Amino acid sequence: MNDVFKALSDPTRRKILELLYEKDLTAGDIAEEFDISKPSISHHLTILKNAELVFTERQGQNIIYTLNTTVFQSIIKWFFDLTGKDDNNEEE
């Protein structure tokens, strides 16, 4: 889960995830949305992939990036479990 939070700490990566929330995109499509180099976008995509926040699928010459929503479900579950434990552990 540490890789997930590290990946989410960067605003460029959060913006990429927002774009992928709307639809699946190629790296080129994603790069068009930013004023940074394609190698930088590739680096961000690698971090997101390593954190399992995105899936990739090769379609011919392109790699299609897709948002992995199950990771976000796990984060939400972890958060609610954490906050639930705090409530149950309070002294009366």
Protein backbone atom coordinates (compact mmCIF):
# COMPACT_ATOMS: atom_id res chain seq x y z
CA MET A 1 0.00 0.00 0.00
CA ASN A 2 3.00 2.32 0.48
CA ASP A 3 3.57 2.32 -3.29
CA VAL A 4 -0.03 3.41 -3.79
CA PHE A 5 0.27 6.37 -1.44
CA LYS A 6 3.62 7.36 -2.94
CA ALA A 7 2.09 7.24 -6.42
CA LEU A 8 -0.89 9.31 -5.28
CA SER A 9 1.35 11.96 -3.70
CA ASP A 10 2.25 13.48 -7.08
CA PRO A 11 -0.23 15.91 -8.73
CA THR A 12 0.71 14.81 -12.25
CA ARG A 13 -0.07 11.19 -11.43
CA ARG A 14 -3.35 12.20 -9.78
CA LYS A 15 -4.28 14.09 -12.96
CA ILE A 16 -3.42 11.02 -15.06
CA LEU A 17 -5.75 8.95 -12.87
CA GLU A 18 -8.50 11.53 -13.34
CA LEU A 19 -8.08 11.27 -17.11
CA LEU A 20 -8.23 7.48 -16.95
CA TYR A 21 -11.36 7.70 -14.81
CA GLU A 22 -13.06 9.23 -17.85
CA LYS A 23 -11.78 6.67 -20.39
CA ASP A 24 -8.90 4.35 -21.29
CA LEU A 25 -6.04 6.15 -23.03
CA THR A 26 -2.72 5.51 -24.73
CA ALA A 27 0.47 7.05 -23.37
CA GLY A 28 0.40 9.47 -26.31
CA ASP A 29 -3.15 10.55 -25.49
CA ILE A 30 -2.13 11.13 -21.89
CA ALA A 31 1.01 13.05 -22.88
CA GLU A 32 -1.08 15.46 -24.99
CA GLU A 33 -2.79 16.64 -21.80
CA PHE A 34 0.46 17.79 -20.18
CA ASP A 35 3.21 20.29 -20.89
CA ILE A 36 5.99 17.89 -19.88
CA SER A 37 8.18 15.50 -21.87
CA LYS A 38 6.97 12.09 -23.02
CA PRO A 39 9.74 10.37 -21.05
CA SER A 40 8.42 12.11 -17.90
CA ILE A 41 4.90 10.88 -18.65
CA SER A 42 6.31 7.40 -19.20
CA HIS A 43 8.02 7.58 -15.79
CA HIS A 44 4.76 8.59 -14.11
CA LEU A 45 2.89 5.79 -15.88
CA THR A 46 5.50 3.26 -14.73
CA ILE A 47 5.04 4.36 -11.12
CA LEU A 48 1.26 4.07 -11.46
CA LYS A 49 1.61 0.63 -13.03
CA ASN A 50 4.04 -0.57 -10.33
CA ALA A 51 1.58 0.60 -7.69
CA GLU A 52 -1.11 -1.37 -9.56
CA LEU A 53 -3.23 1.74 -9.97
CA VAL A 54 -3.42 1.16 -13.72
CA PHE A 55 -3.57 -1.84 -16.01
CA THR A 56 -1.95 -1.98 -19.42
CA GLU A 57 -2.98 -3.83 -22.54
CA ARG A 58 -1.11 -3.87 -25.83
CA GLN A 59 -3.24 -3.16 -28.88
CA GLY A 60 -1.02 -3.27 -31.95
CA GLN A 61 1.63 -0.56 -31.58
CA ASN A 62 -0.19 1.09 -28.67
CA ILE A 63 -0.34 0.37 -24.98
CA ILE A 64 -3.74 1.20 -23.53
CA TYR A 65 -3.87 2.36 -19.90
CA THR A 66 -6.91 1.55 -17.78
CA LEU A 67 -7.73 2.63 -14.23
CA ASN A 68 -7.64 -0.22 -11.69
CA THR A 69 -10.62 0.59 -9.50
CA THR A 70 -10.11 -2.40 -7.19
CA VAL A 71 -7.05 -0.71 -5.66
CA PHE A 72 -9.17 2.31 -4.77
CA GLN A 73 -11.75 0.01 -3.19
CA SER A 74 -8.98 -1.52 -1.08
CA ILE A 75 -7.79 1.94 0.01
CA ILE A 76 -11.30 2.94 1.00
CA LYS A 77 -11.75 -0.32 2.93
CA TRP A 78 -8.41 0.22 4.69
CA PHE A 79 -9.41 3.79 5.58
CA PHE A 80 -12.78 2.75 6.99
CA ASP A 81 -11.22 -0.16 8.87
CA LEU A 82 -8.66 2.24 10.33
CA THR A 83 -11.24 4.78 11.42
CA GLY A 84 -13.49 2.02 12.77
CA LYS A 85 -10.67 0.65 14.89
CA ASP A 86 -10.00 4.10 16.33
CA ASP A 87 -13.64 4.38 17.41
CA ASN A 88 -13.61 0.92 19.00
CA ASN A 89 -10.35 1.51 20.87
CA GLU A 90 -11.34 4.74 22.58
CA GLU A 91 -11.44 4.62 26.34
CA GLU A 92 -14.74 5.48 27.93
